[in-house]
Amino acid sequence: MNQYEVPALLADELPAIGAELKMVKSFGNVLGSVRIFTEYTNKMVAIHQLEMVKHCMCLAEQLYVKGNNLTRNAIENVFVYAISSMRCCCSKGEWQHIQSQMPVTLHSLYVQQVLKSGL
């Protein structure tokens, strides 16, 4: 999956951000698309929509696994980086639930990033 396919997939899977994705400055701006996706996921955590958070995590995993290098880098540097900030928006039990539902590859990337940063 290349950077041009990411906005279309996100808009199909998450219609709530479709209009915002169309406003991303330049066609193929995968970082902008992943930022919008990440903000939406953070919002879902904040309003305790855990099933939607799980869906977003699975979607991030799909983008990472099937994506080209630009897409993979965007997921690592934007989405995975933001996972730690999601922790402050939910209870300990919710956070444990989110972590338990996180797809394997995404969880591995998250753990690697936490270990690198020393959090």
PDB file of N, CA and C in Angstrom:
ATOM      1  N   MET A   1       0.848  -1.174   0.000  1.00  0.00           N
ATOM      2  CA  MET A   1       0.000   0.000   0.000  1.00  0.00           C
ATOM      3  C   MET A   1       0.894   1.237   0.000  1.00  0.00           C
ATOM      4  N   ASN A   2       0.651   2.115  -0.942  1.00  0.00           N
ATOM      5  CA  ASN A   2       1.487   3.311  -1.012  1.00  0.00           C
ATOM      6  C   ASN A   2       0.790   4.510  -0.372  1.00  0.00           C
ATOM      7  N   GLN A   3       1.514   5.616  -0.319  1.00  0.00           N
ATOM      8  CA  GLN A   3       1.027   6.817   0.358  1.00  0.00           C
ATOM      9  C   GLN A   3      -0.214   7.415  -0.295  1.00  0.00           C
ATOM     10  N   TYR A   4      -0.464   7.069  -1.543  1.00  0.00           N
ATOM     11  CA  TYR A   4      -1.638   7.593  -2.241  1.00  0.00           C
ATOM     12  C   TYR A   4      -2.903   6.809  -1.889  1.00  0.00           C
ATOM     13  N   GLU A   5      -2.731   5.582  -1.449  1.00  0.00           N
ATOM     14  CA  GLU A   5      -3.869   4.729  -1.101  1.00  0.00           C
ATOM     15  C   GLU A   5      -4.333   4.907   0.347  1.00  0.00           C
ATOM     16  N   VAL A   6      -3.460   5.425   1.192  1.00  0.00           N
ATOM     17  CA  VAL A   6      -3.763   5.545   2.620  1.00  0.00           C
ATOM     18  C   VAL A   6      -4.996   6.412   2.896  1.00  0.00           C
ATOM     19  N   PRO A   7      -5.087   7.637   2.343  1.00  0.00           N
ATOM     20  CA  PRO A   7      -6.275   8.452   2.647  1.00  0.00           C
ATOM     21  C   PRO A   7      -7.582   7.784   2.232  1.00  0.00           C
ATOM     22  N   ALA A   8      -7.585   7.111   1.102  1.00  0.00           N
ATOM     23  CA  ALA A   8      -8.808   6.447   0.633  1.00  0.00           C
ATOM     24  C   ALA A   8      -9.208   5.315   1.576  1.00  0.00           C
ATOM     25  N   LEU A   9      -8.241   4.516   2.010  1.00  0.00           N
ATOM     26  CA  LEU A   9      -8.543   3.429   2.942  1.00  0.00           C
ATOM     27  C   LEU A   9      -9.073   3.982   4.261  1.00  0.00           C
ATOM     28  N   LEU A  10      -8.411   5.017   4.774  1.00  0.00           N
ATOM     29  CA  LEU A  10      -8.856   5.606   6.037  1.00  0.00           C
ATOM     30  C   LEU A  10     -10.264   6.185   5.910  1.00  0.00           C
ATOM     31  N   ALA A  11     -10.536   6.856   4.800  1.00  0.00           N
ATOM     32  CA  ALA A  11     -11.872   7.434   4.586  1.00  0.00           C
ATOM     33  C   ALA A  11     -12.932   6.343   4.475  1.00  0.00           C
ATOM     34  N   ASP A  12     -12.592   5.235   3.829  1.00  0.00           N
ATOM     35  CA  ASP A  12     -13.540   4.117   3.714  1.00  0.00           C
ATOM     36  C   ASP A  12     -13.825   3.480   5.072  1.00  0.00           C
ATOM     37  N   GLU A  13     -12.781   3.292   5.855  1.00  0.00           N
ATOM     38  CA  GLU A  13     -12.919   2.617   7.148  1.00  0.00           C
ATOM     39  C   GLU A  13     -13.466   3.531   8.244  1.00  0.00           C
ATOM     40  N   LEU A  14     -13.150   4.831   8.135  1.00  0.00           N
ATOM     41  CA  LEU A  14     -13.549   5.796   9.164  1.00  0.00           C
ATOM     42  C   LEU A  14     -14.214   7.002   8.501  1.00  0.00           C
ATOM     43  N   PRO A  15     -15.457   6.871   8.095  1.00  0.00           N
ATOM     44  CA  PRO A  15     -16.139   7.965   7.392  1.00  0.00           C
ATOM     45  C   PRO A  15     -16.139   9.291   8.164  1.00  0.00           C
ATOM     46  N   ALA A  16     -16.031   9.234   9.476  1.00  0.00           N
ATOM     47  CA  ALA A  16     -16.039  10.448  10.294  1.00  0.00           C
ATOM     48  C   ALA A  16     -14.871  11.379   9.986  1.00  0.00           C
ATOM     49  N   ILE A  17     -13.781  10.843   9.432  1.00  0.00           N
ATOM     50  CA  ILE A  17     -12.631  11.701   9.118  1.00  0.00           C
ATOM     51  C   ILE A  17     -12.451  11.907   7.615  1.00  0.00           C
ATOM     52  N   GLY A  18     -13.389  11.418   6.823  1.00  0.00           N
ATOM     53  CA  GLY A  18     -13.279  11.519   5.367  1.00  0.00           C
ATOM     54  C   GLY A  18     -13.124  12.936   4.863  1.00  0.00           C
ATOM     55  N   ALA A  19     -13.951  13.854   5.358  1.00  0.00           N
ATOM     56  CA  ALA A  19     -13.888  15.246   4.900  1.00  0.00           C
ATOM     57  C   ALA A  19     -12.561  15.883   5.281  1.00  0.00           C
ATOM     58  N   GLU A  20     -12.092  15.592   6.483  1.00  0.00           N
ATOM     59  CA  GLU A  20     -10.813  16.145   6.937  1.00  0.00           C
ATOM     60  C   GLU A  20      -9.649  15.606   6.103  1.00  0.00           C
ATOM     61  N   LEU A  21      -9.716  14.343   5.742  1.00  0.00           N
ATOM     62  CA  LEU A  21      -8.663  13.750   4.914  1.00  0.00           C
ATOM     63  C   LEU A  21      -8.599  14.411   3.542  1.00  0.00           C
ATOM     64  N   LYS A  22      -9.744  14.806   3.003  1.00  0.00           N
ATOM     65  CA  LYS A  22      -9.770  15.465   1.692  1.00  0.00           C
ATOM     66  C   LYS A  22      -9.115  16.837   1.734  1.00  0.00           C
ATOM     67  N   MET A  23      -9.027  17.420   2.923  1.00  0.00           N
ATOM     68  CA  MET A  23      -8.451  18.752   3.059  1.00  0.00           C
ATOM     69  C   MET A  23      -6.940  18.727   3.277  1.00  0.00           C
ATOM     70  N   VAL A  24      -6.345  17.552   3.390  1.00  0.00           N
ATOM     71  CA  VAL A  24      -4.891  17.449   3.565  1.00  0.00           C
ATOM     72  C   VAL A  24      -4.231  18.133   2.375  1.00  0.00           C
ATOM     73  N   LYS A  25      -3.252  18.973   2.657  1.00  0.00           N
ATOM     74  CA  LYS A  25      -2.672  19.891   1.676  1.00  0.00           C
ATOM     75  C   LYS A  25      -2.302  19.291   0.328  1.00  0.00           C
ATOM     76  N   SER A  26      -1.487  18.261   0.325  1.00  0.00           N
ATOM     77  CA  SER A  26      -1.063  17.736  -0.977  1.00  0.00           C
ATOM     78  C   SER A  26      -1.415  16.263  -1.103  1.00  0.00           C
ATOM     79  N   PHE A  27      -1.793  15.900  -2.295  1.00  0.00           N
ATOM     80  CA  PHE A  27      -2.150  14.520  -2.604  1.00  0.00           C
ATOM     81  C   PHE A  27      -0.986  13.605  -2.252  1.00  0.00           C
ATOM     82  N   GLY A  28      -1.241  12.544  -1.537  1.00  0.00           N
ATOM     83  CA  GLY A  28      -0.187  11.609  -1.165  1.00  0.00           C
ATOM     84  C   GLY A  28       0.540  11.990   0.105  1.00  0.00           C
ATOM     85  N   ASN A  29       0.024  12.955   0.853  1.00  0.00           N
ATOM     86  CA  ASN A  29       0.644  13.381   2.099  1.00  0.00           C
ATOM     87  C   ASN A  29       0.299  12.371   3.193  1.00  0.00           C
ATOM     88  N   VAL A  30       1.065  11.312   3.250  1.00  0.00           N
ATOM     89  CA  VAL A  30       0.766  10.226   4.186  1.00  0.00           C
ATOM     90  C   VAL A  30       0.927  10.673   5.636  1.00  0.00           C
ATOM     91  N   LEU A  31       1.882  11.544   5.924  1.00  0.00           N
ATOM     92  CA  LEU A  31       2.047  12.022   7.299  1.00  0.00           C
ATOM     93  C   LEU A  31       0.815  12.789   7.765  1.00  0.00           C
ATOM     94  N   GLY A  32       0.286  13.648   6.898  1.00  0.00           N
ATOM     95  CA  GLY A  32      -0.922  14.395   7.242  1.00  0.00           C
ATOM     96  C   GLY A  32      -2.103  13.477   7.472  1.00  0.00           C
ATOM     97  N   SER A  33      -2.237  12.477   6.626  1.00  0.00           N
ATOM     98  CA  SER A  33      -3.338  11.518   6.767  1.00  0.00           C
ATOM     99  C   SER A  33      -3.215  10.727   8.065  1.00  0.00           C
ATOM    100  N   VAL A  34      -2.017  10.292   8.390  1.00  0.00           N
ATOM    101  CA  VAL A  34      -1.810   9.514   9.617  1.00  0.00           C
ATOM    102  C   VAL A  34      -1.996  10.405  10.850  1.00  0.00           C
ATOM    103  N   ARG A  35      -1.640  11.688  10.754  1.00  0.00           N
ATOM    104  CA  ARG A  35      -1.889  12.604  11.877  1.00  0.00           C
ATOM    105  C   ARG A  35      -3.385  12.725  12.162  1.00  0.00           C
ATOM    106  N   ILE A  36      -4.181  12.889  11.111  1.00  0.00           N
ATOM    107  CA  ILE A  36      -5.636  12.982  11.270  1.00  0.00           C
ATOM    108  C   ILE A  36      -6.173  11.690  11.890  1.00  0.00           C
ATOM    109  N   PHE A  37      -5.708  10.573  11.395  1.00  0.00           N
ATOM    110  CA  PHE A  37      -6.097   9.254  11.906  1.00  0.00           C
ATOM    111  C   PHE A  37      -5.723   9.116  13.382  1.00  0.00           C
ATOM    112  N   THR A  38      -4.531   9.563  13.741  1.00  0.00           N
ATOM    113  CA  THR A  38      -4.053   9.485  15.121  1.00  0.00           C
ATOM    114  C   THR A  38      -4.891  10.370  16.038  1.00  0.00           C
ATOM    115  N   GLU A  39      -5.198  11.585  15.590  1.00  0.00           N
ATOM    116  CA  GLU A  39      -6.037  12.486  16.381  1.00  0.00           C
ATOM    117  C   GLU A  39      -7.420  11.873  16.614  1.00  0.00           C
ATOM    118  N   TYR A  40      -7.961  11.246  15.594  1.00  0.00           N
ATOM    119  CA  TYR A  40      -9.262  10.588  15.721  1.00  0.00           C
ATOM    120  C   TYR A  40      -9.180   9.451  16.747  1.00  0.00           C
ATOM    121  N   THR A  41      -8.125   8.666  16.683  1.00  0.00           N
ATOM    122  CA  THR A  41      -7.952   7.562  17.635  1.00  0.00           C
ATOM    123  C   THR A  41      -7.841   8.102  19.058  1.00  0.00           C
ATOM    124  N   ASN A  42      -7.070   9.179  19.235  1.00  0.00           N
ATOM    125  CA  ASN A  42      -6.960   9.807  20.558  1.00  0.00           C
ATOM    126  C   ASN A  42      -8.323  10.262  21.063  1.00  0.00           C
ATOM    127  N   LYS A  43      -9.116  10.832  20.174  1.00  0.00           N
ATOM    128  CA  LYS A  43     -10.460  11.281  20.548  1.00  0.00           C
ATOM    129  C   LYS A  43     -11.315  10.091  20.991  1.00  0.00           C
ATOM    130  N   MET A  44     -11.201   8.977  20.294  1.00  0.00           N
ATOM    131  CA  MET A  44     -11.972   7.787  20.660  1.00  0.00           C
ATOM    132  C   MET A  44     -11.547   7.255  22.029  1.00  0.00           C
ATOM    133  N   VAL A  45     -10.259   7.339  22.338  1.00  0.00           N
ATOM    134  CA  VAL A  45      -9.783   6.933  23.666  1.00  0.00           C
ATOM    135  C   VAL A  45     -10.389   7.864  24.717  1.00  0.00           C
ATOM    136  N   ALA A  46     -10.339   9.172  24.446  1.00  0.00           N
ATOM    137  CA  ALA A  46     -10.825  10.166  25.411  1.00  0.00           C
ATOM    138  C   ALA A  46     -12.315  10.019  25.708  1.00  0.00           C
ATOM    139  N   ILE A  47     -13.092   9.573  24.722  1.00  0.00           N
ATOM    140  CA  ILE A  47     -14.534   9.407  24.959  1.00  0.00           C
ATOM    141  C   ILE A  47     -14.895   7.940  25.243  1.00  0.00           C
ATOM    142  N   HIS A  48     -13.860   7.147  25.488  1.00  0.00           N
ATOM    143  CA  HIS A  48     -14.011   5.763  25.954  1.00  0.00           C
ATOM    144  C   HIS A  48     -14.735   4.853  24.963  1.00  0.00           C
ATOM    145  N   GLN A  49     -14.501   5.074  23.687  1.00  0.00           N
ATOM    146  CA  GLN A  49     -15.063   4.224  22.631  1.00  0.00           C
ATOM    147  C   GLN A  49     -14.053   3.120  22.312  1.00  0.00           C
ATOM    148  N   LEU A  50     -13.936   2.159  23.209  1.00  0.00           N
ATOM    149  CA  LEU A  50     -12.866   1.164  23.123  1.00  0.00           C
ATOM    150  C   LEU A  50     -12.979   0.254  21.906  1.00  0.00           C
ATOM    151  N   GLU A  51     -14.181  -0.036  21.448  1.00  0.00           N
ATOM    152  CA  GLU A  51     -14.313  -0.858  20.235  1.00  0.00           C
ATOM    153  C   GLU A  51     -13.772  -0.108  19.019  1.00  0.00           C
ATOM    154  N   MET A  52     -14.005   1.200  18.958  1.00  0.00           N
ATOM    155  CA  MET A  52     -13.471   1.993  17.852  1.00  0.00           C
ATOM    156  C   MET A  52     -11.953   2.120  17.975  1.00  0.00           C
ATOM    157  N   VAL A  53     -11.458   2.221  19.202  1.00  0.00           N
ATOM    158  CA  VAL A  53     -10.004   2.258  19.410  1.00  0.00           C
ATOM    159  C   VAL A  53      -9.393   0.958  18.892  1.00  0.00           C
ATOM    160  N   LYS A  54     -10.019  -0.162  19.207  1.00  0.00           N
ATOM    161  CA  LYS A  54      -9.533  -1.457  18.716  1.00  0.00           C
ATOM    162  C   LYS A  54      -9.533  -1.470  17.188  1.00  0.00           C
ATOM    163  N   HIS A  55     -10.599  -0.965  16.580  1.00  0.00           N
ATOM    164  CA  HIS A  55     -10.677  -0.904  15.115  1.00  0.00           C
ATOM    165  C   HIS A  55      -9.535  -0.048  14.556  1.00  0.00           C
ATOM    166  N   CYS A  56      -9.273   1.085  15.193  1.00  0.00           N
ATOM    167  CA  CYS A  56      -8.190   1.966  14.744  1.00  0.00           C
ATOM    168  C   CYS A  56      -6.828   1.284  14.876  1.00  0.00           C
ATOM    169  N   MET A  57      -6.631   0.567  15.973  1.00  0.00           N
ATOM    170  CA  MET A  57      -5.367  -0.150  16.165  1.00  0.00           C
ATOM    171  C   MET A  57      -5.183  -1.209  15.074  1.00  0.00           C
ATOM    172  N   CYS A  58      -6.240  -1.921  14.751  1.00  0.00           N
ATOM    173  CA  CYS A  58      -6.169  -2.936  13.690  1.00  0.00           C
ATOM    174  C   CYS A  58      -5.902  -2.287  12.336  1.00  0.00           C
ATOM    175  N   LEU A  59      -6.481  -1.132  12.118  1.00  0.00           N
ATOM    176  CA  LEU A  59      -6.258  -0.399  10.879  1.00  0.00           C
ATOM    177  C   LEU A  59      -4.810   0.089  10.791  1.00  0.00           C
ATOM    178  N   ALA A  60      -4.268   0.574  11.900  1.00  0.00           N
ATOM    179  CA  ALA A  60      -2.866   0.999  11.928  1.00  0.00           C
ATOM    180  C   ALA A  60      -1.944  -0.181  11.633  1.00  0.00           C
ATOM    181  N   GLU A  61      -2.264  -1.325  12.205  1.00  0.00           N
ATOM    182  CA  GLU A  61      -1.485  -2.544  11.938  1.00  0.00           C
ATOM    183  C   GLU A  61      -1.531  -2.888  10.450  1.00  0.00           C
ATOM    184  N   GLN A  62      -2.716  -2.829   9.866  1.00  0.00           N
ATOM    185  CA  GLN A  62      -2.877  -3.137   8.441  1.00  0.00           C
ATOM    186  C   GLN A  62      -2.052  -2.175   7.585  1.00  0.00           C
ATOM    187  N   LEU A  63      -2.098  -0.894   7.915  1.00  0.00           N
ATOM    188  CA  LEU A  63      -1.315   0.092   7.165  1.00  0.00           C
ATOM    189  C   LEU A  63       0.177  -0.194   7.295  1.00  0.00           C
ATOM    190  N   TYR A  64       0.606  -0.572   8.492  1.00  0.00           N
ATOM    191  CA  TYR A  64       2.024  -0.846   8.709  1.00  0.00           C
ATOM    192  C   TYR A  64       2.468  -2.096   7.961  1.00  0.00           C
ATOM    193  N   VAL A  65       1.711  -3.163   8.094  1.00  0.00           N
ATOM    194  CA  VAL A  65       2.098  -4.447   7.498  1.00  0.00           C
ATOM    195  C   VAL A  65       2.065  -4.387   5.974  1.00  0.00           C
ATOM    196  N   LYS A  66       1.052  -3.753   5.411  1.00  0.00           N
ATOM    197  CA  LYS A  66       0.892  -3.719   3.957  1.00  0.00           C
ATOM    198  C   LYS A  66       1.495  -2.480   3.304  1.00  0.00           C
ATOM    199  N   GLY A  67       1.962  -1.542   4.113  1.00  0.00           N
ATOM    200  CA  GLY A  67       2.417  -0.264   3.584  1.00  0.00           C
ATOM    201  C   GLY A  67       3.823  -0.274   3.023  1.00  0.00           C
ATOM    202  N   ASN A  68       4.076   0.706   2.156  1.00  0.00           N
ATOM    203  CA  ASN A  68       5.438   0.913   1.670  1.00  0.00           C
ATOM    204  C   ASN A  68       6.243   1.609   2.772  1.00  0.00           C
ATOM    205  N   ASN A  69       7.504   1.919   2.493  1.00  0.00           N
ATOM    206  CA  ASN A  69       8.363   2.511   3.526  1.00  0.00           C
ATOM    207  C   ASN A  69       7.824   3.829   4.065  1.00  0.00           C
ATOM    208  N   LEU A  70       7.285   4.693   3.193  1.00  0.00           N
ATOM    209  CA  LEU A  70       6.737   5.971   3.659  1.00  0.00           C
ATOM    210  C   LEU A  70       5.561   5.749   4.605  1.00  0.00           C
ATOM    211  N   THR A  71       4.709   4.821   4.256  1.00  0.00           N
ATOM    212  CA  THR A  71       3.542   4.527   5.086  1.00  0.00           C
ATOM    213  C   THR A  71       3.971   3.929   6.419  1.00  0.00           C
ATOM    214  N   ARG A  72       4.907   3.005   6.376  1.00  0.00           N
ATOM    215  CA  ARG A  72       5.399   2.376   7.611  1.00  0.00           C
ATOM    216  C   ARG A  72       6.053   3.411   8.527  1.00  0.00           C
ATOM    217  N   ASN A  73       6.854   4.290   7.946  1.00  0.00           N
ATOM    218  CA  ASN A  73       7.501   5.338   8.744  1.00  0.00           C
ATOM    219  C   ASN A  73       6.471   6.265   9.377  1.00  0.00           C
ATOM    220  N   ALA A  74       5.425   6.606   8.630  1.00  0.00           N
ATOM    221  CA  ALA A  74       4.375   7.478   9.172  1.00  0.00           C
ATOM    222  C   ALA A  74       3.670   6.805  10.346  1.00  0.00           C
ATOM    223  N   ILE A  75       3.371   5.524  10.218  1.00  0.00           N
ATOM    224  CA  ILE A  75       2.719   4.806  11.319  1.00  0.00           C
ATOM    225  C   ILE A  75       3.639   4.762  12.537  1.00  0.00           C
ATOM    226  N   GLU A  76       4.907   4.455  12.327  1.00  0.00           N
ATOM    227  CA  GLU A  76       5.852   4.395  13.452  1.00  0.00           C
ATOM    228  C   GLU A  76       6.041   5.751  14.115  1.00  0.00           C
ATOM    229  N   ASN A  77       6.263   6.783  13.307  1.00  0.00           N
ATOM    230  CA  ASN A  77       6.650   8.085  13.842  1.00  0.00           C
ATOM    231  C   ASN A  77       5.488   8.962  14.284  1.00  0.00           C
ATOM    232  N   VAL A  78       4.285   8.657  13.850  1.00  0.00           N
ATOM    233  CA  VAL A  78       3.127   9.454  14.261  1.00  0.00           C
ATOM    234  C   VAL A  78       2.205   8.621  15.154  1.00  0.00           C
ATOM    235  N   PHE A  79       1.675   7.535  14.619  1.00  0.00           N
ATOM    236  CA  PHE A  79       0.673   6.757  15.361  1.00  0.00           C
ATOM    237  C   PHE A  79       1.289   6.059  16.576  1.00  0.00           C
ATOM    238  N   VAL A  80       2.326   5.276  16.360  1.00  0.00           N
ATOM    239  CA  VAL A  80       2.929   4.519  17.471  1.00  0.00           C
ATOM    240  C   VAL A  80       3.480   5.475  18.521  1.00  0.00           C
ATOM    241  N   TYR A  81       4.082   6.569  18.070  1.00  0.00           N
ATOM    242  CA  TYR A  81       4.616   7.566  19.003  1.00  0.00           C
ATOM    243  C   TYR A  81       3.511   8.125  19.902  1.00  0.00           C
ATOM    244  N   ALA A  82       2.304   8.271  19.363  1.00  0.00           N
ATOM    245  CA  ALA A  82       1.190   8.861  20.115  1.00  0.00           C
ATOM    246  C   ALA A  82       0.507   7.880  21.063  1.00  0.00           C
ATOM    247  N   ILE A  83       0.803   6.609  20.953  1.00  0.00           N
ATOM    248  CA  ILE A  83       0.116   5.622  21.799  1.00  0.00           C
ATOM    249  C   ILE A  83       0.337   5.912  23.282  1.00  0.00           C
ATOM    250  N   SER A  84       1.541   6.303  23.661  1.00  0.00           N
ATOM    251  CA  SER A  84       1.810   6.594  25.074  1.00  0.00           C
ATOM    252  C   SER A  84       0.935   7.724  25.600  1.00  0.00           C
ATOM    253  N   SER A  85       0.658   8.723  24.765  1.00  0.00           N
ATOM    254  CA  SER A  85      -0.178   9.842  25.215  1.00  0.00           C
ATOM    255  C   SER A  85      -1.632   9.426  25.396  1.00  0.00           C
ATOM    256  N   MET A  86      -2.028   8.340  24.761  1.00  0.00           N
ATOM    257  CA  MET A  86      -3.400   7.850  24.908  1.00  0.00           C
ATOM    258  C   MET A  86      -3.644   7.335  26.322  1.00  0.00           C
ATOM    259  N   ARG A  87      -2.586   6.926  26.963  1.00  0.00           N
ATOM    260  CA  ARG A  87      -2.683   6.329  28.299  1.00  0.00           C
ATOM    261  C   ARG A  87      -3.287   7.294  29.318  1.00  0.00           C
ATOM    262  N   CYS A  88      -2.993   8.576  29.176  1.00  0.00           N
ATOM    263  CA  CYS A  88      -3.468   9.555  30.160  1.00  0.00           C
ATOM    264  C   CYS A  88      -4.957   9.867  30.012  1.00  0.00           C
ATOM    265  N   CYS A  89      -5.552   9.436  28.924  1.00  0.00           N
ATOM    266  CA  CYS A  89      -6.958   9.757  28.648  1.00  0.00           C
ATOM    267  C   CYS A  89      -7.925   8.677  29.108  1.00  0.00           C
ATOM    268  N   CYS A  90      -7.418   7.642  29.755  1.00  0.00           N
ATOM    269  CA  CYS A  90      -8.309   6.544  30.140  1.00  0.00           C
ATOM    270  C   CYS A  90      -7.886   5.977  31.493  1.00  0.00           C
ATOM    271  N   SER A  91      -8.735   5.149  32.043  1.00  0.00           N
ATOM    272  CA  SER A  91      -8.437   4.520  33.332  1.00  0.00           C
ATOM    273  C   SER A  91      -7.393   3.416  33.151  1.00  0.00           C
ATOM    274  N   LYS A  92      -6.865   2.952  34.260  1.00  0.00           N
ATOM    275  CA  LYS A  92      -5.881   1.869  34.215  1.00  0.00           C
ATOM    276  C   LYS A  92      -6.486   0.622  33.572  1.00  0.00           C
ATOM    277  N   GLY A  93      -7.728   0.316  33.932  1.00  0.00           N
ATOM    278  CA  GLY A  93      -8.411  -0.850  33.363  1.00  0.00           C
ATOM    279  C   GLY A  93      -8.628  -0.716  31.864  1.00  0.00           C
ATOM    280  N   GLU A  94      -9.012   0.487  31.441  1.00  0.00           N
ATOM    281  CA  GLU A  94      -9.201   0.720  30.003  1.00  0.00           C
ATOM    282  C   GLU A  94      -7.872   0.588  29.261  1.00  0.00           C
ATOM    283  N   TRP A  95      -6.806   1.126  29.866  1.00  0.00           N
ATOM    284  CA  TRP A  95      -5.493   1.043  29.230  1.00  0.00           C
ATOM    285  C   TRP A  95      -5.061  -0.418  29.088  1.00  0.00           C
ATOM    286  N   GLN A  96      -5.292  -1.206  30.118  1.00  0.00           N
ATOM    287  CA  GLN A  96      -4.950  -2.625  30.042  1.00  0.00           C
ATOM    288  C   GLN A  96      -5.762  -3.314  28.948  1.00  0.00           C
ATOM    289  N   HIS A  97      -7.028  -2.937  28.836  1.00  0.00           N
ATOM    290  CA  HIS A  97      -7.880  -3.501  27.783  1.00  0.00           C
ATOM    291  C   HIS A  97      -7.353  -3.103  26.401  1.00  0.00           C
ATOM    292  N   ILE A  98      -6.993  -1.836  26.242  1.00  0.00           N
ATOM    293  CA  ILE A  98      -6.461  -1.358  24.956  1.00  0.00           C
ATOM    294  C   ILE A  98      -5.199  -2.130  24.601  1.00  0.00           C
ATOM    295  N   GLN A  99      -4.293  -2.268  25.563  1.00  0.00           N
ATOM    296  CA  GLN A  99      -3.052  -2.997  25.297  1.00  0.00           C
ATOM    297  C   GLN A  99      -3.319  -4.458  24.953  1.00  0.00           C
ATOM    298  N   SER A 100      -4.279  -5.062  25.622  1.00  0.00           N
ATOM    299  CA  SER A 100      -4.566  -6.475  25.353  1.00  0.00           C
ATOM    300  C   SER A 100      -5.198  -6.674  23.975  1.00  0.00           C
ATOM    301  N   GLN A 101      -5.834  -5.644  23.443  1.00  0.00           N
ATOM    302  CA  GLN A 101      -6.476  -5.723  22.132  1.00  0.00           C
ATOM    303  C   GLN A 101      -5.566  -5.245  20.998  1.00  0.00           C
ATOM    304  N   MET A 102      -4.407  -4.710  21.351  1.00  0.00           N
ATOM    305  CA  MET A 102      -3.490  -4.177  20.347  1.00  0.00           C
ATOM    306  C   MET A 102      -2.917  -5.320  19.502  1.00  0.00           C
ATOM    307  N   PRO A 103      -2.965  -5.192  18.181  1.00  0.00           N
ATOM    308  CA  PRO A 103      -2.393  -6.238  17.321  1.00  0.00           C
ATOM    309  C   PRO A 103      -0.901  -6.440  17.609  1.00  0.00           C
ATOM    310  N   VAL A 104      -0.426  -7.631  17.345  1.00  0.00           N
ATOM    311  CA  VAL A 104       0.927  -8.046  17.727  1.00  0.00           C
ATOM    312  C   VAL A 104       2.020  -7.124  17.176  1.00  0.00           C
ATOM    313  N   THR A 105       1.994  -6.844  15.899  1.00  0.00           N
ATOM    314  CA  THR A 105       3.049  -6.013  15.303  1.00  0.00           C
ATOM    315  C   THR A 105       3.025  -4.610  15.886  1.00  0.00           C
ATOM    316  N   LEU A 106       1.849  -4.040  16.025  1.00  0.00           N
ATOM    317  CA  LEU A 106       1.716  -2.694  16.578  1.00  0.00           C
ATOM    318  C   LEU A 106       2.192  -2.665  18.027  1.00  0.00           C
ATOM    319  N   HIS A 107       1.835  -3.679  18.797  1.00  0.00           N
ATOM    320  CA  HIS A 107       2.277  -3.748  20.193  1.00  0.00           C
ATOM    321  C   HIS A 107       3.795  -3.866  20.269  1.00  0.00           C
ATOM    322  N   SER A 108       4.372  -4.652  19.391  1.00  0.00           N
ATOM    323  CA  SER A 108       5.826  -4.803  19.357  1.00  0.00           C
ATOM    324  C   SER A 108       6.510  -3.467  19.050  1.00  0.00           C
ATOM    325  N   LEU A 109       5.985  -2.732  18.079  1.00  0.00           N
ATOM    326  CA  LEU A 109       6.538  -1.411  17.747  1.00  0.00           C
ATOM    327  C   LEU A 109       6.424  -0.462  18.932  1.00  0.00           C
ATOM    328  N   TYR A 110       5.287  -0.508  19.609  1.00  0.00           N
ATOM    329  CA  TYR A 110       5.061   0.343  20.776  1.00  0.00           C
ATOM    330  C   TYR A 110       6.069   0.016  21.880  1.00  0.00           C
ATOM    331  N   VAL A 111       6.246  -1.265  22.174  1.00  0.00           N
ATOM    332  CA  VAL A 111       7.189  -1.672  23.222  1.00  0.00           C
ATOM    333  C   VAL A 111       8.608  -1.242  22.855  1.00  0.00           C
ATOM    334  N   GLN A 112       8.999  -1.431  21.601  1.00  0.00           N
ATOM    335  CA  GLN A 112      10.330  -0.999  21.154  1.00  0.00           C
ATOM    336  C   GLN A 112      10.506   0.500  21.366  1.00  0.00           C
ATOM    337  N   GLN A 113       9.491   1.273  21.040  1.00  0.00           N
ATOM    338  CA  GLN A 113       9.591   2.717  21.185  1.00  0.00           C
ATOM    339  C   GLN A 113       9.674   3.123  22.660  1.00  0.00           C
ATOM    340  N   VAL A 114       8.898   2.452  23.506  1.00  0.00           N
ATOM    341  CA  VAL A 114       8.943   2.741  24.939  1.00  0.00           C
ATOM    342  C   VAL A 114      10.322   2.407  25.498  1.00  0.00           C
ATOM    343  N   LEU A 115      10.877   1.271  25.107  1.00  0.00           N
ATOM    344  CA  LEU A 115      12.200   0.877  25.594  1.00  0.00           C
ATOM    345  C   LEU A 115      13.279   1.845  25.128  1.00  0.00           C
ATOM    346  N   LYS A 116      13.180   2.322  23.892  1.00  0.00           N
ATOM    347  CA  LYS A 116      14.153   3.291  23.370  1.00  0.00           C
ATOM    348  C   LYS A 116      14.093   4.604  24.134  1.00  0.00           C
ATOM    349  N   SER A 117      12.874   5.022  24.481  1.00  0.00           N
ATOM    350  CA  SER A 117      12.711   6.325  25.128  1.00  0.00           C
ATOM    351  C   SER A 117      12.918   6.253  26.635  1.00  0.00           C
ATOM    352  N   GLY A 118      12.867   5.054  27.191  1.00  0.00           N
ATOM    353  CA  GLY A 118      13.050   4.885  28.627  1.00  0.00           C
ATOM    354  C   GLY A 118      11.836   5.287  29.446  1.00  0.00           C
ATOM    355  N   LEU A 119      10.641   5.308  28.837  1.00  0.00           N
ATOM    356  CA  LEU A 119       9.416   5.695  29.567  1.00  0.00           C
ATOM    357  C   LEU A 119       9.032   4.650  30.581  1.00  0.00           C
TER     358      LEU A 119
END
